[in-house]
């Protein structure tokens, strides 16, 4: 009898564990982007086309990973969506997840425009992406003027130091209506920032996060770099970051920096001017913002990224010069 009970309990535990694993895998599949590419695929759904046929088309077009087909079927069934998928021609990015794909396929004629805004872009770069995805109805100039419109900025309830929305246009994946306006988009980006980041950070923290975004590669590096930047600042050093000059020049290409640029007395030249630049230099992601909130204290004052993206730290100028000679020349 005891053996039977043990076998029953073991079987029950096995079933429970298997169920938990399947549930976690299902949730993961629903929320994981099918691809890292934001390239778009044209998908046409005919009137009366069945859900299985639509699903097969999604797989054939590379919009759903074949290994997630069964999870897609389950999602459709649990949410009673099969009858809600609308006929039409869709322009769908490859980097949507299952939930986002079926959300799109319910819009039909009023389908949404999906736009992916990567981390670490300047606001003018974000505007360029919006022009590319939305088209001639979107005005880059109008969008950028909103980012410095003081009355518009006040509507968000950000800290009083914020006079420019650079740094607050949160990088994410967005679905916009066909008739979206520049004001709608700017509002959506800032409201997403408020939802995911909050409004309790100081302006200096967001500026610091933007520096960390452009200087670091990994969460570990970013927290370390944040600590180094703060140490330089607190000890009265110039920050010495060429990324701030690149922001001023509106390029991220280091080869574009001249000796005159590095000597110029402008507020973004942190080789010359002590302190932080007057605004963020990009729109950072949450990882960089968390690094700015939680800097790592170290004995280092210098850092470089080698040609493979690996960071190298130094305590003295001599050590730093050795790193430069070893890893960058």
C-alpha atoms as a PDB file:
ATOM      1  CA  UNK A   1       0.000   0.000   0.000  1.00  0.00           C
ATOM      2  CA  UNK A   2       2.820   2.394   0.905  1.00  0.00           C
ATOM      3  CA  UNK A   3       4.492   1.665  -2.425  1.00  0.00           C
ATOM      4  CA  UNK A   4       1.289   2.534  -4.282  1.00  0.00           C
ATOM      5  CA  UNK A   5       0.995   5.820  -2.346  1.00  0.00           C
ATOM      6  CA  UNK A   6       4.626   6.664  -3.118  1.00  0.00           C
ATOM      7  CA  UNK A   7       4.113   5.949  -6.818  1.00  0.00           C
ATOM      8  CA  UNK A   8       0.944   8.047  -6.831  1.00  0.00           C
ATOM      9  CA  UNK A   9       2.672  10.964  -5.093  1.00  0.00           C
ATOM     10  CA  UNK A  10       5.660  10.718  -7.407  1.00  0.00           C
ATOM     11  CA  UNK A  11       3.368  10.719 -10.438  1.00  0.00           C
ATOM     12  CA  UNK A  12       1.422  13.671  -9.041  1.00  0.00           C
ATOM     13  CA  UNK A  13       4.620  15.651  -8.392  1.00  0.00           C
ATOM     14  CA  UNK A  14       5.857  14.828 -11.888  1.00  0.00           C
ATOM     15  CA  UNK A  15       2.605  16.048 -13.431  1.00  0.00           C
ATOM     16  CA  UNK A  16       2.685  19.260 -11.372  1.00  0.00           C
ATOM     17  CA  UNK A  17       6.306  19.977 -12.304  1.00  0.00           C
ATOM     18  CA  UNK A  18       5.608  19.249 -15.971  1.00  0.00           C
ATOM     19  CA  UNK A  19       2.576  21.549 -15.833  1.00  0.00           C
ATOM     20  CA  UNK A  20       4.606  24.362 -14.301  1.00  0.00           C
ATOM     21  CA  UNK A  21       7.345  23.970 -16.921  1.00  0.00           C
ATOM     22  CA  UNK A  22       4.821  23.989 -19.769  1.00  0.00           C
ATOM     23  CA  UNK A  23       3.060  27.055 -18.314  1.00  0.00           C
ATOM     24  CA  UNK A  24       6.360  28.942 -18.018  1.00  0.00           C
ATOM     25  CA  UNK A  25       7.345  27.946 -21.546  1.00  0.00           C
ATOM     26  CA  UNK A  26       3.937  29.025 -22.834  1.00  0.00           C
ATOM     27  CA  UNK A  27       4.218  32.432 -21.150  1.00  0.00           C
ATOM     28  CA  UNK A  28       7.763  32.824 -22.451  1.00  0.00           C
ATOM     29  CA  UNK A  29       6.659  31.972 -26.002  1.00  0.00           C
ATOM     30  CA  UNK A  30       3.802  34.492 -25.924  1.00  0.00           C
ATOM     31  CA  UNK A  31       6.026  37.380 -24.867  1.00  0.00           C
ATOM     32  CA  UNK A  32       9.223  36.617 -26.799  1.00  0.00           C
ATOM     33  CA  UNK A  33       9.811  38.458 -30.064  1.00  0.00           C
ATOM     34  CA  UNK A  34       9.931  36.113 -33.031  1.00  0.00           C
ATOM     35  CA  UNK A  35      13.061  37.840 -34.353  1.00  0.00           C
ATOM     36  CA  UNK A  36      15.484  40.646 -33.548  1.00  0.00           C
ATOM     37  CA  UNK A  37      14.853  42.100 -37.004  1.00  0.00           C
ATOM     38  CA  UNK A  38      12.355  44.930 -37.396  1.00  0.00           C
ATOM     39  CA  UNK A  39      12.062  44.237 -41.141  1.00  0.00           C
ATOM     40  CA  UNK A  40       8.430  44.109 -42.220  1.00  0.00           C
ATOM     41  CA  UNK A  41       6.576  41.344 -44.037  1.00  0.00           C
ATOM     42  CA  UNK A  42       3.425  41.851 -46.090  1.00  0.00           C
ATOM     43  CA  UNK A  43       0.724  39.364 -45.050  1.00  0.00           C
ATOM     44  CA  UNK A  44      -2.643  39.128 -46.791  1.00  0.00           C
ATOM     45  CA  UNK A  45      -5.658  37.488 -45.126  1.00  0.00           C
ATOM     46  CA  UNK A  46      -8.521  36.689 -47.475  1.00  0.00           C
ATOM     47  CA  UNK A  47     -12.209  36.955 -46.562  1.00  0.00           C
ATOM     48  CA  UNK A  48     -13.332  33.765 -44.839  1.00  0.00           C
ATOM     49  CA  UNK A  49      -9.805  32.422 -44.366  1.00  0.00           C
ATOM     50  CA  UNK A  50      -9.660  30.005 -41.436  1.00  0.00           C
ATOM     51  CA  UNK A  51      -7.545  30.498 -38.322  1.00  0.00           C
ATOM     52  CA  UNK A  52      -5.391  27.399 -39.081  1.00  0.00           C
ATOM     53  CA  UNK A  53      -4.660  28.740 -42.575  1.00  0.00           C
ATOM     54  CA  UNK A  54      -3.793  32.173 -41.166  1.00  0.00           C
ATOM     55  CA  UNK A  55      -1.505  30.569 -38.622  1.00  0.00           C
ATOM     56  CA  UNK A  56       0.228  28.568 -41.356  1.00  0.00           C
ATOM     57  CA  UNK A  57       0.759  31.761 -43.368  1.00  0.00           C
ATOM     58  CA  UNK A  58       2.331  33.399 -40.323  1.00  0.00           C
ATOM     59  CA  UNK A  59       4.748  30.482 -40.022  1.00  0.00           C
ATOM     60  CA  UNK A  60       5.500  30.436 -43.765  1.00  0.00           C
ATOM     61  CA  UNK A  61       6.232  34.180 -43.734  1.00  0.00           C
ATOM     62  CA  UNK A  62       8.621  33.827 -40.795  1.00  0.00           C
ATOM     63  CA  UNK A  63       6.393  35.783 -38.400  1.00  0.00           C
ATOM     64  CA  UNK A  64       5.852  32.910 -35.938  1.00  0.00           C
ATOM     65  CA  UNK A  65       8.469  30.372 -34.962  1.00  0.00           C
ATOM     66  CA  UNK A  66       7.292  26.868 -35.994  1.00  0.00           C
ATOM     67  CA  UNK A  67       8.044  25.528 -32.509  1.00  0.00           C
ATOM     68  CA  UNK A  68       5.459  27.951 -31.084  1.00  0.00           C
ATOM     69  CA  UNK A  69       2.579  26.957 -33.370  1.00  0.00           C
ATOM     70  CA  UNK A  70       0.804  24.872 -30.716  1.00  0.00           C
ATOM     71  CA  UNK A  71       1.118  27.676 -28.178  1.00  0.00           C
ATOM     72  CA  UNK A  72      -0.343  30.059 -30.771  1.00  0.00           C
ATOM     73  CA  UNK A  73      -3.304  27.733 -31.228  1.00  0.00           C
ATOM     74  CA  UNK A  74      -3.819  27.563 -27.465  1.00  0.00           C
ATOM     75  CA  UNK A  75      -3.641  31.358 -27.192  1.00  0.00           C
ATOM     76  CA  UNK A  76      -6.242  31.782 -29.939  1.00  0.00           C
ATOM     77  CA  UNK A  77      -8.553  29.235 -28.318  1.00  0.00           C
ATOM     78  CA  UNK A  78      -8.230  30.521 -24.737  1.00  0.00           C
ATOM     79  CA  UNK A  79      -8.926  34.083 -25.827  1.00  0.00           C
ATOM     80  CA  UNK A  80     -11.595  33.186 -28.389  1.00  0.00           C
ATOM     81  CA  UNK A  81      -9.766  35.129 -31.103  1.00  0.00           C
ATOM     82  CA  UNK A  82     -10.190  32.910 -34.174  1.00  0.00           C
ATOM     83  CA  UNK A  83     -13.372  34.702 -35.255  1.00  0.00           C
ATOM     84  CA  UNK A  84     -11.897  38.142 -34.553  1.00  0.00           C
ATOM     85  CA  UNK A  85      -9.024  37.937 -37.051  1.00  0.00           C
ATOM     86  CA  UNK A  86      -9.889  40.329 -39.861  1.00  0.00           C
ATOM     87  CA  UNK A  87      -9.255  40.105 -43.580  1.00  0.00           C
ATOM     88  CA  UNK A  88      -6.842  42.620 -45.031  1.00  0.00           C
ATOM     89  CA  UNK A  89      -3.265  43.281 -46.065  1.00  0.00           C
ATOM     90  CA  UNK A  90      -0.903  43.786 -43.162  1.00  0.00           C
ATOM     91  CA  UNK A  91       2.644  45.136 -42.969  1.00  0.00           C
ATOM     92  CA  UNK A  92       3.997  43.250 -39.949  1.00  0.00           C
ATOM     93  CA  UNK A  93       7.484  43.574 -38.378  1.00  0.00           C
ATOM     94  CA  UNK A  94       9.300  40.309 -37.732  1.00  0.00           C
ATOM     95  CA  UNK A  95      10.094  41.294 -34.139  1.00  0.00           C
ATOM     96  CA  UNK A  96       6.547  41.061 -32.787  1.00  0.00           C
ATOM     97  CA  UNK A  97       5.605  38.428 -30.240  1.00  0.00           C
ATOM     98  CA  UNK A  98       2.546  36.160 -30.502  1.00  0.00           C
ATOM     99  CA  UNK A  99       0.301  38.495 -28.509  1.00  0.00           C
ATOM    100  CA  UNK A 100       1.291  41.508 -30.616  1.00  0.00           C
ATOM    101  CA  UNK A 101       0.778  39.632 -33.886  1.00  0.00           C
ATOM    102  CA  UNK A 102      -2.773  38.606 -33.036  1.00  0.00           C
ATOM    103  CA  UNK A 103      -3.472  42.079 -31.686  1.00  0.00           C
ATOM    104  CA  UNK A 104      -2.465  43.436 -35.109  1.00  0.00           C
ATOM    105  CA  UNK A 105      -4.601  40.915 -37.008  1.00  0.00           C
ATOM    106  CA  UNK A 106      -7.721  42.117 -35.207  1.00  0.00           C
ATOM    107  CA  UNK A 107      -7.402  45.634 -36.646  1.00  0.00           C
ATOM    108  CA  UNK A 108      -8.060  44.921 -40.332  1.00  0.00           C
ATOM    109  CA  UNK A 109      -8.531  48.145 -42.267  1.00  0.00           C
ATOM    110  CA  UNK A 110      -7.514  50.198 -39.246  1.00  0.00           C
ATOM    111  CA  UNK A 111      -4.317  48.257 -38.681  1.00  0.00           C
ATOM    112  CA  UNK A 112      -1.722  49.867 -36.474  1.00  0.00           C
ATOM    113  CA  UNK A 113       1.780  50.935 -37.460  1.00  0.00           C
ATOM    114  CA  UNK A 114       4.438  49.127 -35.434  1.00  0.00           C
ATOM    115  CA  UNK A 115       7.581  51.111 -34.668  1.00  0.00           C
ATOM    116  CA  UNK A 116      10.609  49.870 -32.731  1.00  0.00           C
ATOM    117  CA  UNK A 117      12.698  52.562 -31.037  1.00  0.00           C
ATOM    118  CA  UNK A 118      16.067  51.155 -29.897  1.00  0.00           C
ATOM    119  CA  UNK A 119      17.808  52.271 -26.732  1.00  0.00           C
ATOM    120  CA  UNK A 120      20.420  55.016 -26.869  1.00  0.00           C
ATOM    121  CA  UNK A 121      19.127  57.186 -29.732  1.00  0.00           C
ATOM    122  CA  UNK A 122      18.982  60.966 -29.843  1.00  0.00           C
ATOM    123  CA  UNK A 123      15.558  62.495 -30.351  1.00  0.00           C
ATOM    124  CA  UNK A 124      16.393  63.442 -33.952  1.00  0.00           C
ATOM    125  CA  UNK A 125      17.293  59.789 -34.655  1.00  0.00           C
ATOM    126  CA  UNK A 126      13.960  58.727 -33.156  1.00  0.00           C
ATOM    127  CA  UNK A 127      12.231  61.245 -35.425  1.00  0.00           C
ATOM    128  CA  UNK A 128      14.017  59.739 -38.443  1.00  0.00           C
ATOM    129  CA  UNK A 129      12.712  56.266 -37.531  1.00  0.00           C
ATOM    130  CA  UNK A 130       9.204  57.652 -37.198  1.00  0.00           C
ATOM    131  CA  UNK A 131       9.430  59.319 -40.607  1.00  0.00           C
ATOM    132  CA  UNK A 132      10.588  56.042 -42.135  1.00  0.00           C
ATOM    133  CA  UNK A 133       7.779  54.008 -40.577  1.00  0.00           C
ATOM    134  CA  UNK A 134       4.873  56.455 -40.626  1.00  0.00           C
ATOM    135  CA  UNK A 135       5.656  58.328 -43.808  1.00  0.00           C
ATOM    136  CA  UNK A 136       4.917  61.785 -45.128  1.00  0.00           C
ATOM    137  CA  UNK A 137       2.096  62.434 -42.651  1.00  0.00           C
ATOM    138  CA  UNK A 138       4.708  62.647 -39.880  1.00  0.00           C
ATOM    139  CA  UNK A 139       6.660  65.903 -39.551  1.00  0.00           C
ATOM    140  CA  UNK A 140      10.109  65.594 -38.003  1.00  0.00           C
ATOM    141  CA  UNK A 141      10.273  69.356 -37.381  1.00  0.00           C
ATOM    142  CA  UNK A 142       6.915  69.394 -35.602  1.00  0.00           C
ATOM    143  CA  UNK A 143       7.910  66.435 -33.423  1.00  0.00           C
ATOM    144  CA  UNK A 144      11.259  67.987 -32.463  1.00  0.00           C
ATOM    145  CA  UNK A 145       9.674  71.352 -31.703  1.00  0.00           C
ATOM    146  CA  UNK A 146       7.353  69.611 -29.233  1.00  0.00           C
ATOM    147  CA  UNK A 147      10.362  68.248 -27.330  1.00  0.00           C
ATOM    148  CA  UNK A 148      11.343  71.795 -26.336  1.00  0.00           C
ATOM    149  CA  UNK A 149       7.835  73.273 -26.057  1.00  0.00           C
ATOM    150  CA  UNK A 150       7.738  74.357 -22.414  1.00  0.00           C
ATOM    151  CA  UNK A 151       3.947  74.369 -22.108  1.00  0.00           C
ATOM    152  CA  UNK A 152       3.778  70.855 -23.582  1.00  0.00           C
ATOM    153  CA  UNK A 153       6.536  69.598 -21.279  1.00  0.00           C
ATOM    154  CA  UNK A 154       4.718  70.951 -18.215  1.00  0.00           C
ATOM    155  CA  UNK A 155       1.708  68.728 -18.960  1.00  0.00           C
ATOM    156  CA  UNK A 156       3.699  65.610 -18.010  1.00  0.00           C
ATOM    157  CA  UNK A 157       4.425  66.560 -14.407  1.00  0.00           C
ATOM    158  CA  UNK A 158       8.155  65.890 -14.724  1.00  0.00           C
ATOM    159  CA  UNK A 159      10.666  67.507 -12.399  1.00  0.00           C
ATOM    160  CA  UNK A 160      11.056  71.253 -12.935  1.00  0.00           C
ATOM    161  CA  UNK A 161      14.607  70.953 -14.307  1.00  0.00           C
ATOM    162  CA  UNK A 162      13.349  69.311 -17.499  1.00  0.00           C
ATOM    163  CA  UNK A 163      13.234  71.822 -20.343  1.00  0.00           C
ATOM    164  CA  UNK A 164      13.902  69.305 -23.118  1.00  0.00           C
ATOM    165  CA  UNK A 165      12.324  65.857 -23.547  1.00  0.00           C
ATOM    166  CA  UNK A 166      15.637  64.340 -24.646  1.00  0.00           C
ATOM    167  CA  UNK A 167      16.125  61.416 -22.264  1.00  0.00           C
ATOM    168  CA  UNK A 168      12.401  60.961 -21.617  1.00  0.00           C
ATOM    169  CA  UNK A 169      11.366  59.484 -24.987  1.00  0.00           C
ATOM    170  CA  UNK A 170      11.339  55.899 -23.805  1.00  0.00           C
ATOM    171  CA  UNK A 171      12.821  53.290 -26.170  1.00  0.00           C
ATOM    172  CA  UNK A 172      10.324  50.490 -26.748  1.00  0.00           C
ATOM    173  CA  UNK A 173       8.129  48.799 -29.347  1.00  0.00           C
ATOM    174  CA  UNK A 174       5.020  50.835 -30.123  1.00  0.00           C
ATOM    175  CA  UNK A 175       1.820  50.372 -32.130  1.00  0.00           C
ATOM    176  CA  UNK A 176       0.441  53.654 -33.471  1.00  0.00           C
ATOM    177  CA  UNK A 177      -2.877  54.301 -35.212  1.00  0.00           C
ATOM    178  CA  UNK A 178      -2.753  55.262 -38.890  1.00  0.00           C
ATOM    179  CA  UNK A 179      -3.892  58.815 -38.106  1.00  0.00           C
ATOM    180  CA  UNK A 180      -1.472  59.329 -35.198  1.00  0.00           C
ATOM    181  CA  UNK A 181      -0.140  62.872 -34.725  1.00  0.00           C
ATOM    182  CA  UNK A 182       3.294  64.079 -33.662  1.00  0.00           C
ATOM    183  CA  UNK A 183       1.811  65.168 -30.334  1.00  0.00           C
ATOM    184  CA  UNK A 184       0.208  61.743 -29.839  1.00  0.00           C
ATOM    185  CA  UNK A 185       3.562  60.053 -30.366  1.00  0.00           C
ATOM    186  CA  UNK A 186       5.566  62.368 -28.124  1.00  0.00           C
ATOM    187  CA  UNK A 187       2.937  61.941 -25.418  1.00  0.00           C
ATOM    188  CA  UNK A 188       2.978  58.159 -25.760  1.00  0.00           C
ATOM    189  CA  UNK A 189       6.771  57.974 -25.456  1.00  0.00           C
ATOM    190  CA  UNK A 190       6.913  60.173 -22.371  1.00  0.00           C
ATOM    191  CA  UNK A 191       3.956  58.461 -20.703  1.00  0.00           C
ATOM    192  CA  UNK A 192       5.669  55.110 -21.292  1.00  0.00           C
ATOM    193  CA  UNK A 193       8.752  56.544 -19.569  1.00  0.00           C
ATOM    194  CA  UNK A 194       6.611  57.587 -16.614  1.00  0.00           C
ATOM    195  CA  UNK A 195       5.017  54.133 -16.420  1.00  0.00           C
ATOM    196  CA  UNK A 196       8.224  52.099 -16.693  1.00  0.00           C
ATOM    197  CA  UNK A 197      10.693  54.431 -14.989  1.00  0.00           C
ATOM    198  CA  UNK A 198       8.652  56.788 -12.813  1.00  0.00           C
ATOM    199  CA  UNK A 199       9.230  60.465 -12.127  1.00  0.00           C
ATOM    200  CA  UNK A 200      11.197  60.332  -8.878  1.00  0.00           C
ATOM    201  CA  UNK A 201      14.699  60.365 -10.364  1.00  0.00           C
ATOM    202  CA  UNK A 202      16.637  63.616 -10.453  1.00  0.00           C
ATOM    203  CA  UNK A 203      17.466  65.186 -13.796  1.00  0.00           C
ATOM    204  CA  UNK A 204      21.132  64.438 -13.124  1.00  0.00           C
ATOM    205  CA  UNK A 205      20.279  60.731 -12.777  1.00  0.00           C
ATOM    206  CA  UNK A 206      18.656  60.683 -16.234  1.00  0.00           C
ATOM    207  CA  UNK A 207      21.598  62.601 -17.712  1.00  0.00           C
ATOM    208  CA  UNK A 208      23.964  60.121 -16.051  1.00  0.00           C
ATOM    209  CA  UNK A 209      21.923  57.214 -17.407  1.00  0.00           C
ATOM    210  CA  UNK A 210      22.247  58.623 -20.922  1.00  0.00           C
ATOM    211  CA  UNK A 211      26.039  58.836 -20.557  1.00  0.00           C
ATOM    212  CA  UNK A 212      26.129  55.284 -19.252  1.00  0.00           C
ATOM    213  CA  UNK A 213      23.952  54.095 -22.142  1.00  0.00           C
ATOM    214  CA  UNK A 214      26.460  55.356 -24.697  1.00  0.00           C
ATOM    215  CA  UNK A 215      29.593  54.326 -22.805  1.00  0.00           C
ATOM    216  CA  UNK A 216      28.662  50.856 -21.512  1.00  0.00           C
ATOM    217  CA  UNK A 217      27.767  47.539 -23.113  1.00  0.00           C
ATOM    218  CA  UNK A 218      26.517  45.286 -20.310  1.00  0.00           C
ATOM    219  CA  UNK A 219      24.655  45.810 -17.033  1.00  0.00           C
ATOM    220  CA  UNK A 220      27.862  45.101 -15.087  1.00  0.00           C
ATOM    221  CA  UNK A 221      29.909  47.541 -17.167  1.00  0.00           C
ATOM    222  CA  UNK A 222      27.271  50.234 -16.965  1.00  0.00           C
ATOM    223  CA  UNK A 223      27.081  50.143 -13.177  1.00  0.00           C
ATOM    224  CA  UNK A 224      30.900  50.294 -12.978  1.00  0.00           C
ATOM    225  CA  UNK A 225      31.115  53.144 -15.497  1.00  0.00           C
ATOM    226  CA  UNK A 226      28.410  55.062 -13.633  1.00  0.00           C
ATOM    227  CA  UNK A 227      30.536  54.851 -10.484  1.00  0.00           C
ATOM    228  CA  UNK A 228      33.609  56.116 -12.346  1.00  0.00           C
ATOM    229  CA  UNK A 229      31.741  59.052 -13.891  1.00  0.00           C
ATOM    230  CA  UNK A 230      30.343  60.043 -10.488  1.00  0.00           C
ATOM    231  CA  UNK A 231      33.772  59.753  -8.875  1.00  0.00           C
ATOM    232  CA  UNK A 232      35.245  62.089 -11.478  1.00  0.00           C
ATOM    233  CA  UNK A 233      32.375  64.524 -10.955  1.00  0.00           C
ATOM    234  CA  UNK A 234      32.543  64.446  -7.152  1.00  0.00           C
ATOM    235  CA  UNK A 235      36.303  64.997  -7.156  1.00  0.00           C
ATOM    236  CA  UNK A 236      36.063  67.986  -9.483  1.00  0.00           C
ATOM    237  CA  UNK A 237      37.464  66.334 -12.607  1.00  0.00           C
ATOM    238  CA  UNK A 238      36.135  66.986 -16.065  1.00  0.00           C
ATOM    239  CA  UNK A 239      34.152  63.919 -17.114  1.00  0.00           C
ATOM    240  CA  UNK A 240      36.253  63.536 -20.282  1.00  0.00           C
ATOM    241  CA  UNK A 241      33.609  61.710 -22.341  1.00  0.00           C
ATOM    242  CA  UNK A 242      33.808  62.096 -26.111  1.00  0.00           C
ATOM    243  CA  UNK A 243      30.243  60.823 -26.438  1.00  0.00           C
ATOM    244  CA  UNK A 244      29.002  64.192 -25.176  1.00  0.00           C
ATOM    245  CA  UNK A 245      30.879  65.969 -27.977  1.00  0.00           C
ATOM    246  CA  UNK A 246      29.495  63.449 -30.472  1.00  0.00           C
ATOM    247  CA  UNK A 247      26.000  64.329 -29.251  1.00  0.00           C
ATOM    248  CA  UNK A 248      26.720  68.014 -29.854  1.00  0.00           C
ATOM    249  CA  UNK A 249      27.914  67.184 -33.383  1.00  0.00           C
ATOM    250  CA  UNK A 250      24.807  65.011 -33.950  1.00  0.00           C
ATOM    251  CA  UNK A 251      26.812  61.924 -34.876  1.00  0.00           C
ATOM    252  CA  UNK A 252      28.077  58.799 -33.083  1.00  0.00           C
ATOM    253  CA  UNK A 253      30.989  58.368 -35.497  1.00  0.00           C
ATOM    254  CA  UNK A 254      34.167  59.001 -33.493  1.00  0.00           C
ATOM    255  CA  UNK A 255      36.158  59.569 -36.683  1.00  0.00           C
ATOM    256  CA  UNK A 256      34.171  62.778 -37.183  1.00  0.00           C
ATOM    257  CA  UNK A 257      35.666  64.415 -34.070  1.00  0.00           C
ATOM    258  CA  UNK A 258      38.474  66.882 -34.815  1.00  0.00           C
ATOM    259  CA  UNK A 259      41.107  68.357 -32.498  1.00  0.00           C
ATOM    260  CA  UNK A 260      39.225  71.660 -32.644  1.00  0.00           C
ATOM    261  CA  UNK A 261      36.038  69.867 -31.525  1.00  0.00           C
ATOM    262  CA  UNK A 262      37.857  68.493 -28.493  1.00  0.00           C
ATOM    263  CA  UNK A 263      39.103  71.976 -27.567  1.00  0.00           C
ATOM    264  CA  UNK A 264      35.830  73.803 -28.200  1.00  0.00           C
ATOM    265  CA  UNK A 265      34.275  75.584 -25.245  1.00  0.00           C
ATOM    266  CA  UNK A 266      30.679  74.371 -25.542  1.00  0.00           C
ATOM    267  CA  UNK A 267      28.494  72.942 -22.728  1.00  0.00           C
ATOM    268  CA  UNK A 268      28.672  69.414 -24.178  1.00  0.00           C
ATOM    269  CA  UNK A 269      32.470  69.230 -24.331  1.00  0.00           C
ATOM    270  CA  UNK A 270      33.166  67.365 -21.093  1.00  0.00           C
ATOM    271  CA  UNK A 271      36.900  67.419 -21.789  1.00  0.00           C
ATOM    272  CA  UNK A 272      36.837  71.191 -21.292  1.00  0.00           C
ATOM    273  CA  UNK A 273      33.770  72.021 -19.192  1.00  0.00           C
ATOM    274  CA  UNK A 274      33.482  70.633 -15.661  1.00  0.00           C
ATOM    275  CA  UNK A 275      30.249  68.927 -14.689  1.00  0.00           C
ATOM    276  CA  UNK A 276      27.448  67.195 -16.540  1.00  0.00           C
ATOM    277  CA  UNK A 277      26.150  68.262 -19.953  1.00  0.00           C
ATOM    278  CA  UNK A 278      22.999  70.402 -19.787  1.00  0.00           C
ATOM    279  CA  UNK A 279      20.702  67.625 -21.099  1.00  0.00           C
ATOM    280  CA  UNK A 280      20.778  63.858 -21.576  1.00  0.00           C
ATOM    281  CA  UNK A 281      22.733  62.875 -24.692  1.00  0.00           C
ATOM    282  CA  UNK A 282      20.334  60.088 -25.701  1.00  0.00           C
ATOM    283  CA  UNK A 283      17.213  58.285 -24.551  1.00  0.00           C
ATOM    284  CA  UNK A 284      18.444  55.511 -22.245  1.00  0.00           C
ATOM    285  CA  UNK A 285      16.876  52.143 -21.542  1.00  0.00           C
ATOM    286  CA  UNK A 286      15.848  50.860 -18.140  1.00  0.00           C
ATOM    287  CA  UNK A 287      19.117  48.960 -17.633  1.00  0.00           C
ATOM    288  CA  UNK A 288      21.158  52.161 -17.883  1.00  0.00           C
ATOM    289  CA  UNK A 289      18.712  54.041 -15.662  1.00  0.00           C
ATOM    290  CA  UNK A 290      19.054  51.318 -13.018  1.00  0.00           C
ATOM    291  CA  UNK A 291      22.839  51.569 -13.333  1.00  0.00           C
ATOM    292  CA  UNK A 292      22.606  55.330 -12.728  1.00  0.00           C
ATOM    293  CA  UNK A 293      20.497  54.596  -9.652  1.00  0.00           C
ATOM    294  CA  UNK A 294      22.915  51.968  -8.360  1.00  0.00           C
ATOM    295  CA  UNK A 295      26.501  52.931  -9.249  1.00  0.00           C
ATOM    296  CA  UNK A 296      29.341  50.584  -8.284  1.00  0.00           C
ATOM    297  CA  UNK A 297      32.124  52.141  -6.247  1.00  0.00           C
ATOM    298  CA  UNK A 298      35.629  51.133  -7.329  1.00  0.00           C
ATOM    299  CA  UNK A 299      39.221  52.347  -7.266  1.00  0.00           C
ATOM    300  CA  UNK A 300      39.119  53.056 -11.008  1.00  0.00           C
ATOM    301  CA  UNK A 301      39.140  56.442 -12.723  1.00  0.00           C
ATOM    302  CA  UNK A 302      39.465  55.398 -16.354  1.00  0.00           C
ATOM    303  CA  UNK A 303      37.836  52.981 -18.771  1.00  0.00           C
ATOM    304  CA  UNK A 304      37.966  52.078 -22.448  1.00  0.00           C
ATOM    305  CA  UNK A 305      36.072  49.672 -24.649  1.00  0.00           C
ATOM    306  CA  UNK A 306      38.293  47.571 -26.910  1.00  0.00           C
ATOM    307  CA  UNK A 307      37.481  46.695 -30.508  1.00  0.00           C
ATOM    308  CA  UNK A 308      35.379  43.710 -29.404  1.00  0.00           C
ATOM    309  CA  UNK A 309      33.361  45.715 -26.859  1.00  0.00           C
ATOM    310  CA  UNK A 310      35.171  44.424 -23.764  1.00  0.00           C
ATOM    311  CA  UNK A 311      35.767  47.076 -21.104  1.00  0.00           C
ATOM    312  CA  UNK A 312      39.176  47.679 -19.549  1.00  0.00           C
ATOM    313  CA  UNK A 313      39.592  49.771 -16.405  1.00  0.00           C
ATOM    314  CA  UNK A 314      42.532  51.679 -14.952  1.00  0.00           C
ATOM    315  CA  UNK A 315      43.407  53.489 -11.737  1.00  0.00           C
ATOM    316  CA  UNK A 316      46.022  55.872 -13.126  1.00  0.00           C
ATOM    317  CA  UNK A 317      46.645  57.770 -16.342  1.00  0.00           C
ATOM    318  CA  UNK A 318      49.689  55.566 -16.982  1.00  0.00           C
ATOM    319  CA  UNK A 319      47.601  52.384 -16.673  1.00  0.00           C
ATOM    320  CA  UNK A 320      44.965  53.934 -18.924  1.00  0.00           C
ATOM    321  CA  UNK A 321      47.528  54.812 -21.596  1.00  0.00           C
ATOM    322  CA  UNK A 322      48.835  51.259 -21.468  1.00  0.00           C
ATOM    323  CA  UNK A 323      45.290  49.958 -22.032  1.00  0.00           C
ATOM    324  CA  UNK A 324      44.848  52.314 -24.973  1.00  0.00           C
ATOM    325  CA  UNK A 325      48.133  51.186 -26.547  1.00  0.00           C
ATOM    326  CA  UNK A 326      47.357  47.515 -25.922  1.00  0.00           C
ATOM    327  CA  UNK A 327      43.696  47.361 -26.937  1.00  0.00           C
ATOM    328  CA  UNK A 328      43.062  50.224 -29.343  1.00  0.00           C
ATOM    329  CA  UNK A 329      46.272  50.526 -31.382  1.00  0.00           C
END
